[in-house]
C-alpha cells in the first residue's frame, strides 16, 4: 500500500515538472505584408533572469502561388507597458528546421502588460505586427513541495489503517 502511494506521488510529481502550462494565441491568422501570421505565447515572468517569455510565430504566404523561404528571418521584441523599461529582442529560430514555424524566448522580469512586436524579413518582403500580452509568474509549486504537502495525509492514512487493523485483530 505504502509503495503504491509513493510510486503514484513520484509519477505525479514528474508529470507536473514536465508541464509548464499551455501556450495560447495572441494573434491568429492576421495578414501583414505578404504573410499570414499567428503568434502563440507562454508569457511566464521570472526573477532569476531565465527566458520564461516564450513566443512561437507561424507564417504562411498570403499569395497562393508563393511559399515562405528558408531565408525568412523573424525578430521578436517586447517592452513593458506598465512601467518604464528597455525593449528586449531576440531572433527567432526555426522549429524543426522549418521557416514557417519559429521560436524565440525572452526575459520577462516582472508581472504585467508587455507590448510584443514581431518583425519579419524575407524574400517575400518585410512585415511587422504588434500585440500585447500579460505576463504572470508560473504559480505552480515545485514537485518536491507537492510531496511535502501530501506527506501528512499519507502518514495519517497509514496510522488510521494501522489502528483499524489492530482493532480488527483485537476483536478476534
N, C-alpha and C. Protein backbone atom coordinates (compact mmCIF):
# COMPACT_ATOMS: atom_id res chain seq x y z
N UNK A 1 0.82 -1.19 0.00
CA UNK A 1 0.00 0.00 0.00
C UNK A 1 0.87 1.26 0.00
N UNK A 2 1.84 1.30 0.91
CA UNK A 2 2.70 2.47 1.01
C UNK A 2 3.53 2.64 -0.27
N UNK A 3 4.01 1.51 -0.82
CA UNK A 3 4.81 1.59 -2.04
C UNK A 3 3.97 2.11 -3.20
N UNK A 4 2.71 1.71 -3.26
CA UNK A 4 1.83 2.16 -4.34
C UNK A 4 1.60 3.67 -4.24
N UNK A 5 1.32 4.14 -3.03
CA UNK A 5 1.10 5.58 -2.83
C UNK A 5 2.37 6.36 -3.16
N UNK A 6 3.52 5.86 -2.74
CA UNK A 6 4.78 6.53 -3.03
C UNK A 6 5.06 6.59 -4.52
N UNK A 7 4.81 5.49 -5.21
CA UNK A 7 5.02 5.47 -6.66
C UNK A 7 4.08 6.44 -7.36
N UNK A 8 2.84 6.50 -6.90
CA UNK A 8 1.87 7.43 -7.50
C UNK A 8 2.30 8.87 -7.30
N UNK A 9 2.82 9.18 -6.11
CA UNK A 9 3.29 10.54 -5.85
C UNK A 9 4.48 10.92 -6.73
N UNK A 10 5.42 10.00 -6.89
CA UNK A 10 6.57 10.28 -7.74
C UNK A 10 6.15 10.44 -9.20
N UNK A 11 5.21 9.63 -9.65
CA UNK A 11 4.73 9.73 -11.03
C UNK A 11 4.05 11.07 -11.25
N UNK A 12 3.21 11.48 -10.32
CA UNK A 12 2.52 12.78 -10.44
C UNK A 12 3.52 13.93 -10.41
N UNK A 13 4.51 13.85 -9.55
CA UNK A 13 5.50 14.93 -9.44
C UNK A 13 6.29 15.06 -10.72
N UNK A 14 6.70 13.94 -11.34
CA UNK A 14 7.46 14.05 -12.58
C UNK A 14 6.58 14.55 -13.71
N UNK A 15 5.31 14.20 -13.71
CA UNK A 15 4.40 14.71 -14.73
C UNK A 15 4.21 16.21 -14.59
N UNK A 16 4.09 16.72 -13.38
CA UNK A 16 3.92 18.15 -13.16
C UNK A 16 5.17 18.94 -13.54
N UNK A 17 6.32 18.36 -13.32
CA UNK A 17 7.55 19.05 -13.65
C UNK A 17 7.73 19.19 -15.15
N UNK A 18 7.14 18.29 -15.93
CA UNK A 18 7.32 18.31 -17.37
C UNK A 18 6.38 19.29 -18.06
N UNK A 19 5.43 19.85 -17.36
CA UNK A 19 4.44 20.71 -17.99
C UNK A 19 4.52 22.11 -17.41
N UNK A 20 4.64 23.10 -18.27
CA UNK A 20 4.78 24.47 -17.83
C UNK A 20 3.55 25.31 -18.19
N UNK A 21 2.48 24.69 -18.55
CA UNK A 21 1.28 25.41 -18.93
C UNK A 21 1.18 25.57 -20.43
N UNK A 22 -0.01 25.59 -20.93
CA UNK A 22 -0.16 25.63 -22.38
C UNK A 22 0.03 27.03 -22.96
N UNK A 23 0.65 27.12 -24.11
CA UNK A 23 0.72 28.41 -24.79
C UNK A 23 -0.66 28.77 -25.33
N UNK A 24 -0.87 30.04 -25.59
CA UNK A 24 -2.15 30.50 -26.13
C UNK A 24 -1.90 31.55 -27.20
N UNK A 25 -2.86 31.72 -28.12
CA UNK A 25 -2.64 32.67 -29.22
C UNK A 25 -2.89 34.11 -28.79
N UNK A 26 -2.01 35.01 -29.25
CA UNK A 26 -2.26 36.44 -29.06
C UNK A 26 -2.55 37.10 -30.41
N UNK A 27 -2.20 36.42 -31.49
CA UNK A 27 -2.54 36.85 -32.85
C UNK A 27 -2.90 35.59 -33.62
N UNK A 28 -4.03 35.61 -34.29
CA UNK A 28 -4.47 34.45 -35.07
C UNK A 28 -4.73 34.85 -36.51
N UNK A 29 -3.95 34.28 -37.40
CA UNK A 29 -4.12 34.43 -38.85
C UNK A 29 -4.33 35.89 -39.29
N UNK A 30 -3.46 36.78 -38.84
CA UNK A 30 -3.53 38.18 -39.26
C UNK A 30 -2.61 38.37 -40.47
N UNK A 31 -3.11 39.07 -41.46
CA UNK A 31 -2.33 39.32 -42.67
C UNK A 31 -1.52 40.60 -42.49
N UNK A 32 -0.21 40.49 -42.76
CA UNK A 32 0.70 41.64 -42.74
C UNK A 32 1.69 41.44 -43.87
N UNK A 33 1.75 42.39 -44.76
CA UNK A 33 2.62 42.24 -45.92
C UNK A 33 2.19 41.03 -46.73
N UNK A 34 3.14 40.20 -47.08
CA UNK A 34 2.87 39.00 -47.89
C UNK A 34 2.64 37.77 -47.03
N UNK A 35 2.42 37.95 -45.72
CA UNK A 35 2.35 36.82 -44.80
C UNK A 35 1.01 36.78 -44.05
N UNK A 36 0.60 35.58 -43.70
CA UNK A 36 -0.48 35.37 -42.74
C UNK A 36 0.22 34.87 -41.48
N UNK A 37 0.05 35.60 -40.39
CA UNK A 37 0.86 35.38 -39.18
C UNK A 37 -0.02 34.98 -38.00
N UNK A 38 0.48 34.02 -37.23
CA UNK A 38 -0.11 33.67 -35.94
C UNK A 38 1.00 33.68 -34.91
N UNK A 39 0.68 34.20 -33.72
CA UNK A 39 1.66 34.24 -32.63
C UNK A 39 1.05 33.56 -31.42
N UNK A 40 1.75 32.57 -30.90
CA UNK A 40 1.36 31.88 -29.67
C UNK A 40 2.41 32.20 -28.62
N UNK A 41 1.97 32.28 -27.36
CA UNK A 41 2.92 32.63 -26.30
C UNK A 41 2.63 31.89 -25.01
N UNK A 42 3.67 31.73 -24.22
CA UNK A 42 3.59 31.28 -22.84
C UNK A 42 4.38 32.32 -22.04
N UNK A 43 3.71 33.41 -21.60
CA UNK A 43 4.42 34.56 -21.03
C UNK A 43 4.68 34.44 -19.53
N UNK A 44 5.66 33.63 -19.16
CA UNK A 44 5.99 33.48 -17.74
C UNK A 44 7.05 34.50 -17.34
N UNK A 45 6.75 35.27 -16.30
CA UNK A 45 7.73 36.20 -15.73
C UNK A 45 8.65 35.40 -14.81
N UNK A 46 9.91 35.80 -14.76
CA UNK A 46 10.88 35.12 -13.90
C UNK A 46 11.71 36.15 -13.14
N UNK A 47 12.19 35.76 -11.99
CA UNK A 47 13.06 36.62 -11.18
C UNK A 47 14.53 36.25 -11.34
N UNK A 48 14.80 35.06 -11.88
CA UNK A 48 16.18 34.58 -11.95
C UNK A 48 16.89 34.91 -13.26
N UNK A 49 16.27 35.69 -14.13
CA UNK A 49 16.90 36.08 -15.38
C UNK A 49 16.77 35.06 -16.49
N UNK A 50 16.03 33.98 -16.25
CA UNK A 50 15.84 33.00 -17.32
C UNK A 50 14.77 33.48 -18.29
N UNK A 51 14.86 33.02 -19.51
CA UNK A 51 13.95 33.46 -20.57
C UNK A 51 12.64 32.68 -20.47
N UNK A 52 11.73 33.17 -19.65
CA UNK A 52 10.45 32.50 -19.44
C UNK A 52 9.38 32.92 -20.43
N UNK A 53 9.56 34.04 -21.10
CA UNK A 53 8.60 34.51 -22.09
C UNK A 53 8.85 33.82 -23.42
N UNK A 54 7.99 32.87 -23.77
CA UNK A 54 8.20 32.06 -24.96
C UNK A 54 7.21 32.46 -26.04
N UNK A 55 7.70 32.58 -27.27
CA UNK A 55 6.88 33.00 -28.40
C UNK A 55 7.10 32.09 -29.59
N UNK A 56 6.00 31.58 -30.15
CA UNK A 56 6.02 30.78 -31.37
C UNK A 56 5.33 31.59 -32.46
N UNK A 57 5.99 31.76 -33.59
CA UNK A 57 5.43 32.51 -34.71
C UNK A 57 5.27 31.54 -35.88
N UNK A 58 4.06 31.46 -36.41
CA UNK A 58 3.82 30.64 -37.59
C UNK A 58 3.47 31.54 -38.76
N UNK A 59 4.02 31.21 -39.91
CA UNK A 59 3.85 32.02 -41.12
C UNK A 59 3.28 31.18 -42.24
N UNK A 60 2.49 31.82 -43.06
CA UNK A 60 2.07 31.27 -44.34
C UNK A 60 2.15 32.42 -45.33
N UNK A 61 2.45 32.10 -46.55
CA UNK A 61 2.43 33.13 -47.59
C UNK A 61 0.97 33.46 -47.89
N UNK A 62 0.65 34.74 -47.96
CA UNK A 62 -0.73 35.15 -48.25
C UNK A 62 -1.14 34.80 -49.67
N UNK A 63 -0.21 34.91 -50.62
CA UNK A 63 -0.49 34.56 -52.01
C UNK A 63 -0.40 33.04 -52.16
N UNK A 64 -1.34 32.47 -52.89
CA UNK A 64 -1.38 31.02 -53.03
C UNK A 64 -0.18 30.47 -53.79
N UNK A 65 0.36 31.22 -54.71
CA UNK A 65 1.48 30.73 -55.52
C UNK A 65 2.82 30.85 -54.80
N UNK A 66 2.89 31.63 -53.75
CA UNK A 66 4.16 31.87 -53.06
C UNK A 66 4.36 30.89 -51.91
N UNK A 67 5.61 30.78 -51.48
CA UNK A 67 5.94 29.94 -50.33
C UNK A 67 6.92 30.71 -49.45
N UNK A 68 6.89 30.42 -48.17
CA UNK A 68 7.81 31.07 -47.23
C UNK A 68 9.19 30.43 -47.41
N UNK A 69 10.18 31.27 -47.67
CA UNK A 69 11.54 30.82 -47.92
C UNK A 69 12.27 30.50 -46.62
N UNK A 70 13.27 29.64 -46.73
CA UNK A 70 14.13 29.31 -45.59
C UNK A 70 14.97 30.52 -45.17
N UNK A 71 15.07 31.50 -46.05
CA UNK A 71 15.84 32.72 -45.76
C UNK A 71 15.03 33.73 -44.93
N UNK A 72 13.79 33.41 -44.63
CA UNK A 72 12.94 34.32 -43.86
C UNK A 72 13.42 34.39 -42.41
N UNK A 73 13.59 35.60 -41.91
CA UNK A 73 14.05 35.82 -40.53
C UNK A 73 12.98 36.55 -39.74
N UNK A 74 12.85 36.17 -38.48
CA UNK A 74 11.85 36.78 -37.60
C UNK A 74 12.56 37.33 -36.37
N UNK A 75 12.17 38.52 -35.96
CA UNK A 75 12.67 39.15 -34.74
C UNK A 75 11.48 39.41 -33.84
N UNK A 76 11.57 38.96 -32.59
CA UNK A 76 10.50 39.18 -31.60
C UNK A 76 11.05 40.15 -30.56
N UNK A 77 10.29 41.20 -30.28
CA UNK A 77 10.71 42.22 -29.30
C UNK A 77 9.57 42.47 -28.33
N UNK A 78 9.92 42.69 -27.08
CA UNK A 78 8.93 43.04 -26.05
C UNK A 78 9.41 44.26 -25.30
N UNK A 79 8.46 45.00 -24.74
CA UNK A 79 8.80 46.10 -23.83
C UNK A 79 7.64 46.26 -22.86
N UNK A 80 7.94 46.58 -21.62
CA UNK A 80 6.87 46.74 -20.63
C UNK A 80 5.99 47.94 -20.93
N UNK A 81 4.70 47.79 -20.73
CA UNK A 81 3.76 48.90 -20.90
C UNK A 81 3.32 49.50 -19.57
N UNK A 82 3.53 48.77 -18.48
CA UNK A 82 3.06 49.23 -17.17
C UNK A 82 4.11 50.01 -16.39
N UNK A 83 5.31 50.11 -16.91
CA UNK A 83 6.40 50.85 -16.26
C UNK A 83 7.49 51.11 -17.28
N UNK A 84 8.37 52.04 -17.01
CA UNK A 84 9.46 52.28 -17.95
C UNK A 84 10.40 51.07 -17.99
N UNK A 85 10.89 50.79 -19.15
CA UNK A 85 11.82 49.66 -19.29
C UNK A 85 12.31 49.56 -20.71
N UNK A 86 13.43 48.90 -20.90
CA UNK A 86 14.01 48.79 -22.24
C UNK A 86 13.28 47.75 -23.09
N UNK A 87 13.43 47.90 -24.38
CA UNK A 87 12.93 46.87 -25.29
C UNK A 87 13.93 45.72 -25.28
N UNK A 88 13.42 44.51 -25.23
CA UNK A 88 14.26 43.31 -25.27
C UNK A 88 13.86 42.55 -26.52
N UNK A 89 14.85 42.15 -27.30
CA UNK A 89 14.55 41.48 -28.57
C UNK A 89 15.40 40.22 -28.72
N UNK A 90 14.90 39.32 -29.55
CA UNK A 90 15.63 38.09 -29.88
C UNK A 90 15.25 37.65 -31.28
N UNK A 91 16.22 37.06 -31.95
CA UNK A 91 15.95 36.47 -33.26
C UNK A 91 15.29 35.12 -33.03
N UNK A 92 14.22 34.87 -33.75
CA UNK A 92 13.54 33.59 -33.63
C UNK A 92 14.31 32.54 -34.42
N UNK A 93 14.27 31.32 -33.92
CA UNK A 93 14.95 30.21 -34.59
C UNK A 93 13.90 29.25 -35.16
N UNK A 94 14.17 28.71 -36.34
CA UNK A 94 13.21 27.76 -36.92
C UNK A 94 13.04 26.52 -36.04
N UNK A 95 11.79 26.08 -35.89
CA UNK A 95 11.49 24.87 -35.14
C UNK A 95 11.54 23.71 -36.13
N UNK A 96 12.31 22.70 -35.85
CA UNK A 96 12.49 21.53 -36.72
C UNK A 96 12.96 21.94 -38.11
N UNK A 97 13.73 23.03 -38.19
CA UNK A 97 14.29 23.46 -39.45
C UNK A 97 13.30 24.09 -40.43
N UNK A 98 12.11 24.42 -39.98
CA UNK A 98 11.09 25.00 -40.87
C UNK A 98 10.97 26.50 -40.63
N UNK A 99 11.07 27.26 -41.69
CA UNK A 99 10.95 28.72 -41.58
C UNK A 99 9.52 29.14 -41.29
N UNK A 100 8.54 28.27 -41.51
CA UNK A 100 7.14 28.62 -41.28
C UNK A 100 6.76 28.55 -39.81
N UNK A 101 7.60 27.99 -38.97
CA UNK A 101 7.32 27.89 -37.54
C UNK A 101 8.62 28.23 -36.81
N UNK A 102 8.64 29.38 -36.13
CA UNK A 102 9.86 29.82 -35.46
C UNK A 102 9.58 30.15 -33.99
N UNK A 103 10.64 30.04 -33.17
CA UNK A 103 10.52 30.19 -31.72
C UNK A 103 11.56 31.18 -31.19
N UNK A 104 11.12 32.00 -30.22
CA UNK A 104 12.03 32.90 -29.51
C UNK A 104 11.64 32.92 -28.03
N UNK A 105 12.64 33.03 -27.17
CA UNK A 105 12.40 33.14 -25.74
C UNK A 105 13.05 34.42 -25.23
N UNK A 106 12.32 35.15 -24.40
CA UNK A 106 12.79 36.44 -23.88
C UNK A 106 12.58 36.50 -22.38
N UNK A 107 13.39 37.32 -21.72
CA UNK A 107 13.26 37.50 -20.27
C UNK A 107 12.14 38.50 -19.99
N UNK A 108 11.16 38.07 -19.24
CA UNK A 108 10.10 38.95 -18.74
C UNK A 108 10.33 39.04 -17.24
N UNK A 109 10.89 40.14 -16.77
CA UNK A 109 11.37 40.23 -15.40
C UNK A 109 10.33 40.65 -14.37
N UNK A 110 9.10 40.87 -14.79
CA UNK A 110 8.05 41.21 -13.82
C UNK A 110 6.68 40.88 -14.42
N UNK A 111 5.71 40.77 -13.54
CA UNK A 111 4.34 40.58 -14.00
C UNK A 111 3.82 41.89 -14.56
N UNK A 112 2.97 41.79 -15.54
CA UNK A 112 2.37 43.00 -16.08
C UNK A 112 2.20 42.92 -17.58
N UNK A 113 1.73 44.02 -18.12
CA UNK A 113 1.42 44.11 -19.54
C UNK A 113 2.68 44.43 -20.35
N UNK A 114 2.88 43.70 -21.44
CA UNK A 114 4.01 43.91 -22.34
C UNK A 114 3.49 44.14 -23.75
N UNK A 115 4.17 45.02 -24.49
CA UNK A 115 3.94 45.17 -25.92
C UNK A 115 4.82 44.16 -26.63
N UNK A 116 4.27 43.49 -27.62
CA UNK A 116 5.00 42.50 -28.39
C UNK A 116 5.05 42.99 -29.84
N UNK A 117 6.22 42.96 -30.43
CA UNK A 117 6.36 43.33 -31.84
C UNK A 117 7.13 42.22 -32.54
N UNK A 118 6.55 41.72 -33.62
CA UNK A 118 7.18 40.69 -34.43
C UNK A 118 7.48 41.30 -35.79
N UNK A 119 8.76 41.26 -36.17
CA UNK A 119 9.19 41.79 -37.46
C UNK A 119 9.70 40.65 -38.32
N UNK A 120 9.26 40.64 -39.58
CA UNK A 120 9.61 39.57 -40.50
C UNK A 120 10.36 40.19 -41.68
N UNK A 121 11.45 39.55 -42.07
CA UNK A 121 12.21 39.98 -43.24
C UNK A 121 12.51 38.73 -44.06
N UNK A 122 12.18 38.79 -45.34
CA UNK A 122 12.44 37.64 -46.19
C UNK A 122 12.26 37.99 -47.65
N UNK A 123 12.45 37.02 -48.53
CA UNK A 123 12.31 37.25 -49.96
C UNK A 123 10.92 37.74 -50.38
N UNK A 124 9.89 37.44 -49.60
CA UNK A 124 8.54 37.92 -49.91
C UNK A 124 8.33 39.36 -49.43
N UNK A 125 9.34 39.93 -48.79
CA UNK A 125 9.23 41.29 -48.29
C UNK A 125 9.24 41.33 -46.78
N UNK A 126 9.06 42.51 -46.25
CA UNK A 126 9.05 42.70 -44.81
C UNK A 126 7.63 42.87 -44.29
N UNK A 127 7.47 42.62 -43.00
CA UNK A 127 6.18 42.81 -42.34
C UNK A 127 6.43 42.98 -40.86
N UNK A 128 5.51 43.62 -40.20
CA UNK A 128 5.58 43.79 -38.74
C UNK A 128 4.17 43.69 -38.18
N UNK A 129 4.08 43.16 -36.99
CA UNK A 129 2.78 43.01 -36.35
C UNK A 129 2.95 43.29 -34.86
N UNK A 130 1.99 43.99 -34.27
CA UNK A 130 2.04 44.34 -32.85
C UNK A 130 0.93 43.64 -32.10
N UNK A 131 1.21 43.31 -30.85
CA UNK A 131 0.23 42.67 -29.97
C UNK A 131 0.58 43.03 -28.53
N UNK A 132 -0.23 42.58 -27.61
CA UNK A 132 0.01 42.76 -26.17
C UNK A 132 -0.16 41.44 -25.47
N UNK A 133 0.55 41.30 -24.36
CA UNK A 133 0.42 40.09 -23.56
C UNK A 133 0.62 40.46 -22.09
N UNK A 134 -0.06 39.77 -21.23
CA UNK A 134 0.03 39.97 -19.78
C UNK A 134 0.87 38.86 -19.18
N UNK A 135 2.06 39.17 -18.71
CA UNK A 135 2.96 38.17 -18.13
C UNK A 135 2.60 37.92 -16.67
N UNK A 136 2.66 36.67 -16.28
CA UNK A 136 2.42 36.27 -14.89
C UNK A 136 3.50 35.27 -14.47
N UNK A 137 3.68 35.15 -13.18
CA UNK A 137 4.60 34.15 -12.66
C UNK A 137 3.93 32.79 -12.76
N UNK A 138 4.74 31.77 -13.01
CA UNK A 138 4.23 30.40 -13.01
C UNK A 138 4.03 30.02 -11.55
N UNK A 139 2.79 29.93 -11.13
CA UNK A 139 2.48 29.79 -9.70
C UNK A 139 2.43 28.35 -9.20
N UNK A 140 2.76 27.39 -10.04
CA UNK A 140 2.74 26.01 -9.59
C UNK A 140 3.89 25.77 -8.63
N UNK A 141 3.65 25.05 -7.54
CA UNK A 141 4.77 24.75 -6.63
C UNK A 141 5.70 23.73 -7.27
N UNK A 142 6.96 23.72 -6.86
CA UNK A 142 7.88 22.71 -7.37
C UNK A 142 7.41 21.32 -6.93
N UNK A 143 7.78 20.27 -7.66
CA UNK A 143 7.29 18.92 -7.35
C UNK A 143 7.59 18.45 -5.93
N UNK A 144 8.77 18.81 -5.39
CA UNK A 144 9.07 18.36 -4.03
C UNK A 144 8.10 18.96 -3.01
N UNK A 145 7.57 20.16 -3.29
CA UNK A 145 6.61 20.77 -2.37
C UNK A 145 5.28 20.02 -2.37
N UNK A 146 4.90 19.48 -3.51
CA UNK A 146 3.67 18.68 -3.56
C UNK A 146 3.81 17.47 -2.66
N UNK A 147 4.96 16.79 -2.74
CA UNK A 147 5.20 15.65 -1.86
C UNK A 147 5.19 16.09 -0.39
N UNK A 148 5.77 17.25 -0.11
CA UNK A 148 5.81 17.78 1.26
C UNK A 148 4.40 18.03 1.80
N UNK A 149 3.52 18.58 0.97
CA UNK A 149 2.16 18.86 1.40
C UNK A 149 1.31 17.59 1.52
N UNK A 150 1.58 16.60 0.71
CA UNK A 150 0.79 15.37 0.72
C UNK A 150 1.26 14.43 1.85
N UNK A 151 2.51 14.53 2.26
CA UNK A 151 3.08 13.61 3.25
C UNK A 151 2.25 13.51 4.53
N UNK A 152 1.76 14.59 5.14
CA UNK A 152 0.98 14.43 6.37
C UNK A 152 -0.30 13.61 6.16
N UNK A 153 -0.92 13.75 5.01
CA UNK A 153 -2.12 12.96 4.74
C UNK A 153 -1.80 11.49 4.58
N UNK A 154 -0.66 11.18 3.97
CA UNK A 154 -0.23 9.80 3.82
C UNK A 154 0.08 9.20 5.19
N UNK A 155 0.74 9.96 6.06
CA UNK A 155 1.07 9.48 7.41
C UNK A 155 -0.21 9.23 8.21
N UNK A 156 -1.16 10.16 8.17
CA UNK A 156 -2.42 9.98 8.89
C UNK A 156 -3.17 8.75 8.35
N UNK A 157 -3.19 8.57 7.04
CA UNK A 157 -3.86 7.40 6.46
C UNK A 157 -3.19 6.11 6.90
N UNK A 158 -1.87 6.09 6.95
CA UNK A 158 -1.15 4.89 7.39
C UNK A 158 -1.44 4.59 8.86
N UNK A 159 -1.44 5.62 9.71
CA UNK A 159 -1.74 5.41 11.13
C UNK A 159 -3.18 4.94 11.33
N UNK A 160 -4.09 5.52 10.57
CA UNK A 160 -5.50 5.14 10.68
C UNK A 160 -5.68 3.68 10.24
N UNK A 161 -5.04 3.29 9.17
CA UNK A 161 -5.12 1.90 8.70
C UNK A 161 -4.52 0.97 9.74
N UNK A 162 -3.41 1.35 10.32
CA UNK A 162 -2.77 0.52 11.36
C UNK A 162 -3.71 0.36 12.57
N UNK A 163 -4.37 1.46 12.97
CA UNK A 163 -5.31 1.41 14.09
C UNK A 163 -6.48 0.48 13.78
N UNK A 164 -7.03 0.57 12.59
CA UNK A 164 -8.15 -0.30 12.21
C UNK A 164 -7.74 -1.76 12.17
N UNK A 165 -6.53 -2.06 11.69
CA UNK A 165 -6.06 -3.44 11.65
C UNK A 165 -5.84 -3.98 13.08
N UNK A 166 -5.34 -3.15 13.98
CA UNK A 166 -5.16 -3.59 15.38
C UNK A 166 -6.49 -3.85 16.05
N UNK A 167 -7.49 -2.99 15.77
CA UNK A 167 -8.82 -3.21 16.35
C UNK A 167 -9.43 -4.50 15.84
N UNK A 168 -9.25 -4.75 14.55
CA UNK A 168 -9.79 -5.98 13.98
C UNK A 168 -9.11 -7.21 14.59
N UNK A 169 -7.78 -7.13 14.76
CA UNK A 169 -7.03 -8.25 15.35
C UNK A 169 -7.40 -8.42 16.83
N UNK A 170 -7.69 -7.35 17.54
CA UNK A 170 -8.06 -7.43 18.94
C UNK A 170 -9.49 -7.96 19.14
N UNK A 171 -10.35 -7.78 18.16
CA UNK A 171 -11.73 -8.27 18.26
C UNK A 171 -11.79 -9.78 18.07
N UNK A 172 -10.80 -10.38 17.47
CA UNK A 172 -10.81 -11.85 17.27
C UNK A 172 -10.45 -12.52 18.51
